[in-house]
N, C-alpha and C. Protein backbone atom coordinates (compact mmCIF):
# COMPACT_ATOMS: atom_id res chain seq x y z
N UNK A 1 16.56 98.13 1.21
CA UNK A 1 16.77 99.29 2.05
C UNK A 1 15.66 99.54 2.95
N UNK A 2 15.90 100.01 4.15
CA UNK A 2 14.85 100.36 5.06
C UNK A 2 14.74 101.92 5.09
N UNK A 3 13.61 102.30 5.80
CA UNK A 3 13.41 103.76 5.92
C UNK A 3 14.55 104.51 6.56
N UNK A 4 15.28 103.84 7.45
CA UNK A 4 16.42 104.48 8.12
C UNK A 4 17.57 104.76 7.24
N UNK A 5 17.58 104.17 6.02
CA UNK A 5 18.58 104.41 5.08
C UNK A 5 18.38 105.75 4.32
N UNK A 6 17.28 106.37 4.40
CA UNK A 6 16.87 107.53 3.70
C UNK A 6 16.86 108.74 4.62
N UNK A 7 17.28 109.90 4.07
CA UNK A 7 17.15 111.12 4.65
C UNK A 7 16.36 112.10 3.81
N UNK A 8 15.34 112.63 4.42
CA UNK A 8 14.46 113.55 3.56
C UNK A 8 15.21 114.95 3.43
N UNK A 9 15.00 115.51 2.28
CA UNK A 9 15.72 116.77 1.95
C UNK A 9 14.69 117.81 1.63
N UNK A 10 15.10 119.00 1.87
CA UNK A 10 14.25 120.20 1.36
C UNK A 10 15.19 121.19 0.71
N UNK A 11 14.62 122.07 -0.11
CA UNK A 11 15.48 122.99 -0.79
C UNK A 11 15.70 124.24 0.14
N UNK A 12 16.99 124.45 0.34
CA UNK A 12 17.36 125.65 1.22
C UNK A 12 17.59 126.91 0.41
N UNK A 13 18.12 126.73 -0.75
CA UNK A 13 18.35 127.93 -1.55
C UNK A 13 19.03 127.57 -2.88
N UNK A 14 19.19 128.60 -3.71
CA UNK A 14 19.77 128.41 -5.04
C UNK A 14 20.58 129.72 -5.44
N UNK A 15 21.69 129.55 -6.03
CA UNK A 15 22.58 130.70 -6.35
C UNK A 15 23.21 130.45 -7.66
N UNK A 16 23.55 131.45 -8.43
CA UNK A 16 24.33 131.27 -9.63
C UNK A 16 25.80 130.97 -9.27
N UNK A 17 26.44 130.15 -10.11
CA UNK A 17 27.83 129.93 -9.87
C UNK A 17 28.72 130.33 -10.96
N UNK A 18 28.19 130.64 -12.14
CA UNK A 18 28.91 131.17 -13.24
C UNK A 18 28.23 132.41 -13.79
N UNK A 19 28.93 133.34 -14.39
CA UNK A 19 28.42 134.55 -14.88
C UNK A 19 28.81 134.65 -16.31
N UNK A 20 27.92 134.86 -17.21
CA UNK A 20 26.44 134.97 -17.00
C UNK A 20 25.97 133.63 -16.46
N UNK A 21 24.81 133.65 -15.89
CA UNK A 21 24.26 132.56 -15.11
C UNK A 21 24.02 131.35 -16.04
N UNK A 22 24.92 130.39 -16.17
CA UNK A 22 24.76 129.25 -16.97
C UNK A 22 24.54 127.97 -16.09
N UNK A 23 24.94 128.14 -14.83
CA UNK A 23 24.81 127.06 -13.88
C UNK A 23 24.44 127.62 -12.48
N UNK A 24 23.69 126.84 -11.79
CA UNK A 24 23.21 127.20 -10.43
C UNK A 24 23.63 126.11 -9.44
N UNK A 25 23.87 126.53 -8.24
CA UNK A 25 24.04 125.65 -7.10
C UNK A 25 22.76 125.56 -6.34
N UNK A 26 22.06 124.35 -6.39
CA UNK A 26 20.89 124.07 -5.62
C UNK A 26 21.30 123.42 -4.32
N UNK A 27 20.99 124.14 -3.24
CA UNK A 27 21.39 123.56 -1.90
C UNK A 27 20.25 122.88 -1.29
N UNK A 28 20.35 121.64 -1.04
CA UNK A 28 19.42 120.83 -0.40
C UNK A 28 19.84 120.49 0.97
N UNK A 29 18.90 120.75 1.93
CA UNK A 29 19.24 120.61 3.41
C UNK A 29 18.39 119.41 3.98
N UNK A 30 18.99 118.69 4.81
CA UNK A 30 18.27 117.54 5.41
C UNK A 30 17.23 118.04 6.40
N UNK A 31 16.01 117.44 6.31
CA UNK A 31 14.84 117.90 7.13
C UNK A 31 15.26 117.53 8.52
N UNK A 32 15.14 118.48 9.45
CA UNK A 32 15.46 118.15 10.86
C UNK A 32 16.92 118.08 11.22
N UNK A 33 17.76 118.51 10.26
CA UNK A 33 19.21 118.50 10.55
C UNK A 33 19.91 119.74 9.93
N UNK A 34 21.19 119.70 9.98
CA UNK A 34 21.97 120.88 9.40
C UNK A 34 22.77 120.59 8.18
N UNK A 35 22.97 119.27 7.91
CA UNK A 35 23.90 118.93 6.68
C UNK A 35 23.23 119.35 5.37
N UNK A 36 24.00 119.64 4.46
CA UNK A 36 23.49 120.16 3.08
C UNK A 36 24.19 119.49 2.01
N UNK A 37 23.52 119.36 0.87
CA UNK A 37 24.07 118.75 -0.32
C UNK A 37 24.04 119.83 -1.41
N UNK A 38 25.11 120.08 -2.05
CA UNK A 38 25.08 121.04 -3.22
C UNK A 38 24.91 120.31 -4.54
N UNK A 39 23.92 120.71 -5.39
CA UNK A 39 23.65 120.10 -6.62
C UNK A 39 23.84 121.13 -7.65
N UNK A 40 24.67 120.92 -8.67
CA UNK A 40 24.88 121.90 -9.74
C UNK A 40 23.83 121.56 -10.83
N UNK A 41 23.00 122.56 -11.20
CA UNK A 41 22.03 122.36 -12.23
C UNK A 41 22.08 123.48 -13.35
N UNK A 42 21.51 123.22 -14.45
CA UNK A 42 21.64 124.16 -15.61
C UNK A 42 20.54 125.24 -15.45
N UNK A 43 20.59 126.31 -16.24
CA UNK A 43 19.64 127.42 -16.09
C UNK A 43 18.16 127.16 -16.38
N UNK A 44 17.94 126.18 -17.31
CA UNK A 44 16.46 125.87 -17.61
C UNK A 44 15.89 125.23 -16.42
N UNK A 45 16.69 124.17 -15.82
CA UNK A 45 16.20 123.35 -14.68
C UNK A 45 16.01 124.33 -13.49
N UNK A 46 16.95 125.30 -13.27
CA UNK A 46 16.89 126.24 -12.17
C UNK A 46 15.57 127.10 -12.29
N UNK A 47 15.25 127.52 -13.55
CA UNK A 47 14.04 128.24 -13.74
C UNK A 47 12.77 127.44 -13.44
N UNK A 48 12.80 126.24 -13.84
CA UNK A 48 11.64 125.43 -13.59
C UNK A 48 11.35 125.18 -12.10
N UNK A 49 12.60 125.05 -11.38
CA UNK A 49 12.45 124.89 -9.95
C UNK A 49 12.10 126.20 -9.17
N UNK A 50 12.70 127.32 -9.67
CA UNK A 50 12.36 128.61 -9.04
C UNK A 50 10.90 128.97 -9.29
N UNK A 51 10.31 128.55 -10.32
CA UNK A 51 8.96 128.86 -10.58
C UNK A 51 8.04 128.29 -9.58
N UNK A 52 8.25 127.01 -9.24
CA UNK A 52 7.47 126.40 -8.21
C UNK A 52 7.75 126.99 -6.79
N UNK A 53 9.07 127.24 -6.48
CA UNK A 53 9.35 127.83 -5.21
C UNK A 53 8.70 129.17 -4.98
N UNK A 54 8.57 129.91 -6.08
CA UNK A 54 7.94 131.25 -6.02
C UNK A 54 6.36 131.17 -6.14
N UNK A 55 5.87 129.96 -6.31
CA UNK A 55 4.46 129.76 -6.58
C UNK A 55 3.92 130.63 -7.69
N UNK A 56 4.69 130.65 -8.78
CA UNK A 56 4.25 131.34 -10.01
C UNK A 56 3.83 130.34 -11.07
N UNK A 57 2.87 130.79 -11.79
CA UNK A 57 2.25 129.96 -12.82
C UNK A 57 2.38 130.66 -14.16
N UNK A 58 3.15 130.10 -15.11
CA UNK A 58 3.40 130.52 -16.38
C UNK A 58 1.91 130.40 -17.16
N UNK A 59 1.67 131.29 -18.24
CA UNK A 59 0.46 131.14 -18.96
C UNK A 59 0.40 129.82 -19.71
N UNK A 60 1.57 129.30 -20.17
CA UNK A 60 1.70 128.04 -20.77
C UNK A 60 2.54 127.10 -19.99
N UNK A 61 2.32 125.88 -20.03
CA UNK A 61 3.03 124.88 -19.16
C UNK A 61 4.46 124.73 -19.55
N UNK A 62 5.35 124.73 -18.61
CA UNK A 62 6.82 124.37 -18.83
C UNK A 62 6.85 122.85 -19.02
N UNK A 63 7.97 122.29 -19.40
CA UNK A 63 8.09 120.91 -19.64
C UNK A 63 7.72 120.05 -18.39
N UNK A 64 8.12 120.36 -17.24
CA UNK A 64 7.75 119.67 -16.04
C UNK A 64 6.31 119.69 -15.75
N UNK A 65 5.68 120.92 -16.10
CA UNK A 65 4.28 121.05 -15.90
C UNK A 65 3.48 120.05 -16.86
N UNK A 66 4.00 120.02 -18.12
CA UNK A 66 3.46 119.15 -19.08
C UNK A 66 3.45 117.67 -18.60
N UNK A 67 4.62 117.29 -18.07
CA UNK A 67 4.77 115.91 -17.57
C UNK A 67 3.81 115.69 -16.42
N UNK A 68 3.58 116.60 -15.57
CA UNK A 68 2.66 116.43 -14.39
C UNK A 68 1.27 116.28 -15.05
N UNK A 69 0.87 117.16 -16.00
CA UNK A 69 -0.44 117.10 -16.62
C UNK A 69 -0.70 115.76 -17.26
N UNK A 70 0.35 115.22 -17.96
CA UNK A 70 0.22 113.95 -18.58
C UNK A 70 0.12 112.80 -17.52
N UNK A 71 0.84 112.91 -16.46
CA UNK A 71 0.75 111.88 -15.38
C UNK A 71 -0.75 111.88 -14.79
N UNK A 72 -1.21 113.10 -14.58
CA UNK A 72 -2.60 113.28 -14.03
C UNK A 72 -3.61 112.61 -15.04
N UNK A 73 -3.48 112.81 -16.25
CA UNK A 73 -4.48 112.37 -17.26
C UNK A 73 -4.41 110.87 -17.26
N UNK A 74 -3.16 110.31 -17.10
CA UNK A 74 -3.09 108.79 -17.21
C UNK A 74 -3.18 108.18 -15.81
N UNK A 75 -3.52 108.93 -14.79
CA UNK A 75 -3.68 108.41 -13.49
C UNK A 75 -2.32 107.71 -12.89
N UNK A 76 -1.25 108.45 -13.17
CA UNK A 76 0.07 107.97 -12.66
C UNK A 76 0.38 108.91 -11.52
N UNK A 77 0.81 108.32 -10.34
CA UNK A 77 1.06 109.13 -9.20
C UNK A 77 2.55 109.07 -8.75
N UNK A 78 3.21 110.15 -8.75
CA UNK A 78 4.61 110.10 -8.22
C UNK A 78 4.53 109.93 -6.68
N UNK A 79 5.36 109.09 -6.15
CA UNK A 79 5.43 108.85 -4.77
C UNK A 79 6.58 109.53 -4.07
N UNK A 80 7.76 109.45 -4.75
CA UNK A 80 8.94 110.12 -4.11
C UNK A 80 10.08 110.27 -5.16
N UNK A 81 11.02 111.02 -4.78
CA UNK A 81 12.28 111.07 -5.59
C UNK A 81 13.46 110.82 -4.62
N UNK A 82 14.32 110.08 -5.15
CA UNK A 82 15.52 109.62 -4.25
C UNK A 82 16.83 109.85 -5.06
N UNK A 83 17.75 110.62 -4.44
CA UNK A 83 19.11 110.77 -4.94
C UNK A 83 19.82 109.50 -4.44
N UNK A 84 20.23 108.61 -5.34
CA UNK A 84 20.87 107.33 -4.93
C UNK A 84 22.31 107.26 -5.20
N UNK A 85 22.93 108.09 -5.90
CA UNK A 85 24.37 108.05 -6.14
C UNK A 85 24.94 109.36 -6.53
N UNK A 86 26.21 109.62 -6.12
CA UNK A 86 27.04 110.76 -6.61
C UNK A 86 28.32 110.23 -7.09
N UNK A 87 28.61 110.60 -8.33
CA UNK A 87 29.85 110.10 -8.97
C UNK A 87 30.46 111.19 -9.83
N UNK A 88 31.68 111.65 -9.46
CA UNK A 88 32.33 112.66 -10.32
C UNK A 88 31.48 113.96 -10.48
N UNK A 89 30.90 114.35 -9.41
CA UNK A 89 30.10 115.64 -9.57
C UNK A 89 28.71 115.53 -10.12
N UNK A 90 28.33 114.25 -10.49
CA UNK A 90 26.97 114.04 -11.04
C UNK A 90 26.09 113.27 -9.93
N UNK A 91 24.96 113.85 -9.69
CA UNK A 91 24.02 113.20 -8.82
C UNK A 91 23.08 112.35 -9.62
N UNK A 92 22.77 111.21 -9.23
CA UNK A 92 21.85 110.23 -9.92
C UNK A 92 20.62 109.99 -9.10
N UNK A 93 19.45 110.04 -9.75
CA UNK A 93 18.15 109.93 -8.94
C UNK A 93 17.16 109.02 -9.69
N UNK A 94 16.26 108.68 -8.81
CA UNK A 94 15.18 107.78 -9.32
C UNK A 94 13.93 108.61 -8.91
N UNK A 95 12.88 108.43 -9.73
CA UNK A 95 11.54 108.87 -9.26
C UNK A 95 10.68 107.60 -9.21
N UNK A 96 9.95 107.49 -8.15
CA UNK A 96 9.09 106.39 -7.91
C UNK A 96 7.68 106.75 -8.23
N UNK A 97 7.01 105.88 -9.00
CA UNK A 97 5.68 106.13 -9.50
C UNK A 97 4.78 104.99 -9.17
N UNK A 98 3.48 105.30 -9.10
CA UNK A 98 2.43 104.29 -8.86
C UNK A 98 1.51 104.35 -10.12
N UNK A 99 1.12 103.20 -10.65
CA UNK A 99 0.26 103.09 -11.77
C UNK A 99 -0.48 101.79 -11.78
N UNK A 100 -1.75 101.83 -11.86
CA UNK A 100 -2.62 100.66 -11.90
C UNK A 100 -2.29 99.66 -10.70
N UNK A 101 -2.12 100.33 -9.55
CA UNK A 101 -1.82 99.51 -8.36
C UNK A 101 -0.46 99.01 -8.13
N UNK A 102 0.46 99.18 -9.11
CA UNK A 102 1.77 98.73 -9.04
C UNK A 102 2.80 99.96 -8.92
N UNK A 103 3.96 99.71 -8.45
CA UNK A 103 4.95 100.75 -8.28
C UNK A 103 6.12 100.43 -9.23
N UNK A 104 6.69 101.46 -9.78
CA UNK A 104 7.90 101.26 -10.63
C UNK A 104 8.77 102.59 -10.36
N UNK A 105 10.00 102.39 -10.80
CA UNK A 105 10.88 103.59 -10.68
C UNK A 105 11.51 103.87 -12.01
N UNK A 106 11.84 105.18 -12.26
CA UNK A 106 12.47 105.58 -13.45
C UNK A 106 13.78 106.34 -13.08
N UNK A 107 14.80 106.17 -13.87
CA UNK A 107 16.04 106.85 -13.70
C UNK A 107 15.80 108.33 -14.21
N UNK A 108 16.31 109.33 -13.47
CA UNK A 108 15.97 110.79 -13.89
C UNK A 108 17.09 111.61 -13.52
N UNK A 109 17.38 112.66 -14.22
CA UNK A 109 18.27 113.71 -13.78
C UNK A 109 17.85 114.18 -12.52
N UNK A 110 18.76 114.44 -11.56
CA UNK A 110 18.38 115.00 -10.29
C UNK A 110 17.58 116.27 -10.36
N UNK A 111 17.94 117.21 -11.21
CA UNK A 111 17.17 118.42 -11.37
C UNK A 111 15.68 118.13 -11.82
N UNK A 112 15.47 117.17 -12.67
CA UNK A 112 14.15 116.80 -13.15
C UNK A 112 13.42 116.08 -12.02
N UNK A 113 14.08 115.29 -11.24
CA UNK A 113 13.39 114.56 -10.15
C UNK A 113 12.90 115.63 -9.11
N UNK A 114 13.75 116.62 -8.94
CA UNK A 114 13.47 117.70 -7.86
C UNK A 114 12.26 118.51 -8.41
N UNK A 115 12.28 118.93 -9.62
CA UNK A 115 11.33 119.74 -10.26
C UNK A 115 9.93 119.01 -10.21
N UNK A 116 9.95 117.74 -10.55
CA UNK A 116 8.63 116.95 -10.50
C UNK A 116 8.21 116.76 -9.05
N UNK A 117 9.14 116.42 -8.18
CA UNK A 117 8.70 116.21 -6.67
C UNK A 117 8.06 117.44 -6.17
N UNK A 118 8.59 118.61 -6.44
CA UNK A 118 7.99 119.85 -5.98
C UNK A 118 6.63 120.06 -6.61
N UNK A 119 6.37 119.75 -7.93
CA UNK A 119 5.06 120.00 -8.52
C UNK A 119 4.09 118.97 -7.99
N UNK A 120 4.52 117.72 -7.73
CA UNK A 120 3.64 116.71 -7.26
C UNK A 120 3.42 116.77 -5.75
N UNK A 121 4.20 117.46 -5.05
CA UNK A 121 4.03 117.63 -3.58
C UNK A 121 4.50 116.27 -2.91
N UNK A 122 5.61 115.67 -3.41
CA UNK A 122 6.07 114.38 -2.79
C UNK A 122 7.45 114.72 -2.29
N UNK A 123 7.88 113.84 -1.30
CA UNK A 123 9.17 114.03 -0.60
C UNK A 123 10.40 113.69 -1.51
N UNK A 124 11.49 114.37 -1.32
CA UNK A 124 12.76 114.05 -1.90
C UNK A 124 13.69 113.57 -0.86
N UNK A 125 14.35 112.46 -1.15
CA UNK A 125 15.34 111.83 -0.26
C UNK A 125 16.67 111.65 -0.84
N UNK A 126 17.61 111.42 0.05
CA UNK A 126 18.91 110.88 -0.34
C UNK A 126 19.20 109.73 0.55
N UNK A 127 20.24 108.94 0.18
CA UNK A 127 20.70 107.90 1.04
C UNK A 127 21.52 108.40 2.13
N UNK A 128 21.37 107.80 3.26
CA UNK A 128 22.17 108.33 4.49
C UNK A 128 23.69 108.27 4.11
N UNK A 129 24.18 107.25 3.35
CA UNK A 129 25.57 107.11 3.03
C UNK A 129 26.05 108.32 2.18
N UNK A 130 25.22 108.86 1.32
CA UNK A 130 25.54 109.96 0.49
C UNK A 130 25.67 111.23 1.35
N UNK A 131 24.65 111.42 2.24
CA UNK A 131 24.65 112.58 3.16
C UNK A 131 25.85 112.54 4.03
N UNK A 132 26.24 111.44 4.54
CA UNK A 132 27.40 111.31 5.50
C UNK A 132 28.70 111.58 4.75
N UNK A 133 28.80 111.24 3.48
CA UNK A 133 30.04 111.36 2.78
C UNK A 133 30.17 112.62 2.00
N UNK A 134 29.12 113.01 1.41
CA UNK A 134 29.15 114.15 0.40
C UNK A 134 28.58 115.53 0.84
N UNK A 135 28.18 115.63 2.14
CA UNK A 135 27.56 116.91 2.50
C UNK A 135 28.60 118.04 2.51
N UNK A 136 28.13 119.25 2.43
CA UNK A 136 28.91 120.45 2.56
C UNK A 136 29.29 120.57 3.99
N UNK A 137 30.56 121.15 4.20
CA UNK A 137 30.88 121.49 5.63
C UNK A 137 31.30 122.96 5.70
N UNK A 138 31.41 123.42 6.87
CA UNK A 138 31.81 124.87 7.04
C UNK A 138 32.80 124.95 8.16
N UNK A 139 33.85 125.68 7.88
CA UNK A 139 34.95 125.77 8.91
C UNK A 139 34.66 126.98 9.90
N UNK A 140 35.51 127.20 10.77
CA UNK A 140 35.27 128.33 11.78
C UNK A 140 35.10 129.62 11.25
N UNK A 141 35.74 129.97 10.12
CA UNK A 141 35.60 131.30 9.49
C UNK A 141 34.38 131.41 8.54
N UNK A 142 33.59 130.32 8.44
CA UNK A 142 32.38 130.34 7.62
C UNK A 142 32.61 130.02 6.17
N UNK A 143 33.78 129.39 5.80
CA UNK A 143 34.10 128.99 4.53
C UNK A 143 33.41 127.58 4.36
N UNK A 144 32.75 127.46 3.16
CA UNK A 144 32.02 126.19 2.82
C UNK A 144 32.98 125.37 1.95
N UNK A 145 32.87 124.00 2.24
CA UNK A 145 33.62 123.11 1.34
C UNK A 145 32.78 121.95 1.05
N UNK A 146 33.09 121.24 -0.08
CA UNK A 146 32.46 120.01 -0.41
C UNK A 146 33.44 118.90 -0.73
N UNK A 147 33.05 117.69 -0.78
CA UNK A 147 34.00 116.58 -1.10
C UNK A 147 34.20 116.64 -2.55
N UNK A 148 35.38 116.07 -3.02
CA UNK A 148 35.70 116.11 -4.44
C UNK A 148 34.69 115.22 -5.22
N UNK A 149 34.04 114.25 -4.54
CA UNK A 149 33.09 113.50 -5.28
C UNK A 149 31.91 114.25 -5.89
N UNK A 150 31.63 115.38 -5.22
CA UNK A 150 30.46 116.18 -5.71
C UNK A 150 30.84 117.31 -6.74
N UNK A 151 32.11 117.28 -7.06
CA UNK A 151 32.67 118.27 -8.07
C UNK A 151 33.07 117.66 -9.34
N UNK A 152 32.71 118.23 -10.51
CA UNK A 152 33.09 117.68 -11.76
C UNK A 152 34.52 118.06 -12.07
N UNK A 153 35.09 117.35 -13.10
CA UNK A 153 36.51 117.53 -13.51
C UNK A 153 36.99 118.84 -13.81
N UNK A 154 36.21 119.71 -14.55
CA UNK A 154 36.65 121.08 -14.81
C UNK A 154 36.76 121.92 -13.51
N UNK A 155 35.86 121.62 -12.59
CA UNK A 155 35.90 122.40 -11.34
C UNK A 155 37.11 121.97 -10.55
N UNK A 156 37.45 120.73 -10.60
CA UNK A 156 38.65 120.20 -9.89
C UNK A 156 39.87 120.85 -10.48
N UNK A 157 39.95 121.03 -11.76
CA UNK A 157 41.07 121.60 -12.35
C UNK A 157 41.31 123.14 -11.99
N UNK A 158 40.15 123.78 -11.93
CA UNK A 158 40.10 125.18 -11.40
C UNK A 158 40.59 125.21 -9.93
N UNK A 159 40.17 124.27 -9.11
CA UNK A 159 40.55 124.22 -7.75
C UNK A 159 42.07 123.94 -7.62
N UNK A 160 42.59 123.05 -8.56
CA UNK A 160 44.03 122.84 -8.64
C UNK A 160 44.83 124.12 -8.86
N UNK A 161 44.34 124.78 -9.93
CA UNK A 161 45.06 126.01 -10.29
C UNK A 161 45.07 126.99 -9.07
N UNK A 162 43.98 127.15 -8.41
CA UNK A 162 43.90 128.01 -7.22
C UNK A 162 44.83 127.56 -6.11
N UNK A 163 44.83 126.21 -5.87
CA UNK A 163 45.74 125.73 -4.75
C UNK A 163 47.18 126.00 -5.07
N UNK A 164 47.58 125.86 -6.38
CA UNK A 164 48.99 126.17 -6.81
C UNK A 164 49.21 127.67 -6.58
N UNK A 165 48.27 128.49 -7.09
CA UNK A 165 48.45 129.98 -6.99
C UNK A 165 48.56 130.39 -5.56
N UNK A 166 47.95 129.76 -4.62
CA UNK A 166 47.92 130.09 -3.18
C UNK A 166 49.04 129.34 -2.37
N UNK A 167 49.73 128.54 -3.12
CA UNK A 167 50.88 127.80 -2.51
C UNK A 167 50.34 126.69 -1.60
N UNK A 168 49.18 126.19 -1.74
CA UNK A 168 48.65 125.12 -0.88
C UNK A 168 48.98 123.84 -1.52
N UNK A 169 50.16 123.37 -1.37
CA UNK A 169 50.77 122.22 -2.16
C UNK A 169 50.20 120.85 -1.75
N UNK A 170 49.81 120.78 -0.57
CA UNK A 170 49.23 119.58 -0.05
C UNK A 170 47.90 119.28 -0.71
N UNK A 171 47.05 120.32 -0.69
CA UNK A 171 45.75 120.25 -1.41
C UNK A 171 45.97 120.05 -2.95
N UNK A 172 47.01 120.76 -3.46
CA UNK A 172 47.21 120.65 -4.90
C UNK A 172 47.59 119.17 -5.24
N UNK A 173 48.36 118.54 -4.39
CA UNK A 173 48.83 117.18 -4.64
C UNK A 173 47.60 116.28 -4.67
N UNK A 174 46.75 116.34 -3.74
CA UNK A 174 45.58 115.51 -3.66
C UNK A 174 44.64 115.80 -4.81
N UNK A 175 44.39 117.04 -5.25
CA UNK A 175 43.54 117.42 -6.36
C UNK A 175 44.19 116.77 -7.60
N UNK A 176 45.52 116.93 -7.74
CA UNK A 176 46.23 116.43 -8.94
C UNK A 176 45.93 114.88 -9.11
N UNK A 177 46.00 114.12 -7.95
CA UNK A 177 45.80 112.72 -7.88
C UNK A 177 44.45 112.35 -8.31
N UNK A 178 43.45 113.09 -7.81
CA UNK A 178 42.05 112.86 -8.09
C UNK A 178 41.76 113.10 -9.58
N UNK A 179 42.39 114.12 -10.17
CA UNK A 179 42.22 114.51 -11.57
C UNK A 179 42.78 113.39 -12.39
N UNK A 180 44.01 112.85 -12.06
CA UNK A 180 44.66 111.81 -12.82
C UNK A 180 43.82 110.57 -12.78
N UNK A 181 43.27 110.24 -11.63
CA UNK A 181 42.45 109.04 -11.46
C UNK A 181 41.20 109.11 -12.36
N UNK A 182 40.58 110.27 -12.41
CA UNK A 182 39.37 110.47 -13.16
C UNK A 182 39.74 110.31 -14.66
N UNK A 183 40.81 110.99 -15.05
CA UNK A 183 41.25 110.94 -16.46
C UNK A 183 41.57 109.55 -16.85
N UNK A 184 42.13 108.79 -16.04
CA UNK A 184 42.51 107.37 -16.45
C UNK A 184 41.21 106.61 -16.46
N UNK A 185 40.26 106.83 -15.63
CA UNK A 185 38.97 106.06 -15.72
C UNK A 185 38.24 106.36 -17.06
N UNK A 186 38.34 107.65 -17.55
CA UNK A 186 37.73 108.07 -18.73
C UNK A 186 38.35 107.38 -20.00
N UNK A 187 39.65 107.04 -19.93
CA UNK A 187 40.33 106.42 -21.01
C UNK A 187 39.90 104.92 -21.16
N UNK A 188 39.44 104.33 -20.10
CA UNK A 188 39.09 102.88 -20.02
C UNK A 188 37.86 102.60 -20.65
C-alpha cells in the first residue's frame, strides 16, 4: 500500500448510545475533510480515551498508561495506528511499532489502538476504501446514517423492528436480507 491509500483521522466527538452508558459512539473525522466514521466502544475504553482528550491525569496509571510506560522502559516506539477492516460492525486495527531498529505490527482492538495513539502522539489512519464505503452520511434534514457494514447484528435487528413499525418495507426487506446473510455466515 502507498501513502495515498491512507486517510488520517482525528476524534471529532463521543456520545453515549445506550442508557445507562454501556456503549459509546466515537466519531472519527478525516483530517482535511468532512467524512466521518462511527466506532462503537465500551465504557472503559471510552473513559480511557476521554481522559486523554481532557488532558486529565489519574493518580494511578490506567491500563493504556501502563502499556505506554512499559513501551518507554523497553524503548519501543509506536509509529501509527491503522483501521484496516470493518466487518459486521467490528472495526479491526493494527498498531505499528518500532523496536531495535525494526518495525512490526500488532493486531489490536480499535479502541485500544486509538487510546494508545493518543497517548503516544502518533497518527491514526484508515484505508481510503473504508472511508469511501463506511463513512457516515447526512441527509437534507440533518439525519445521520451509516452503512450496514458498520452496524452489529443486534442493532440491525432493532433497525428492522423500527422499519416495520414505521412501515418502511423497502428498508425492512434489505435489513431482513442482511440479517439472514449474517446469521447464515455464523452457522458455517
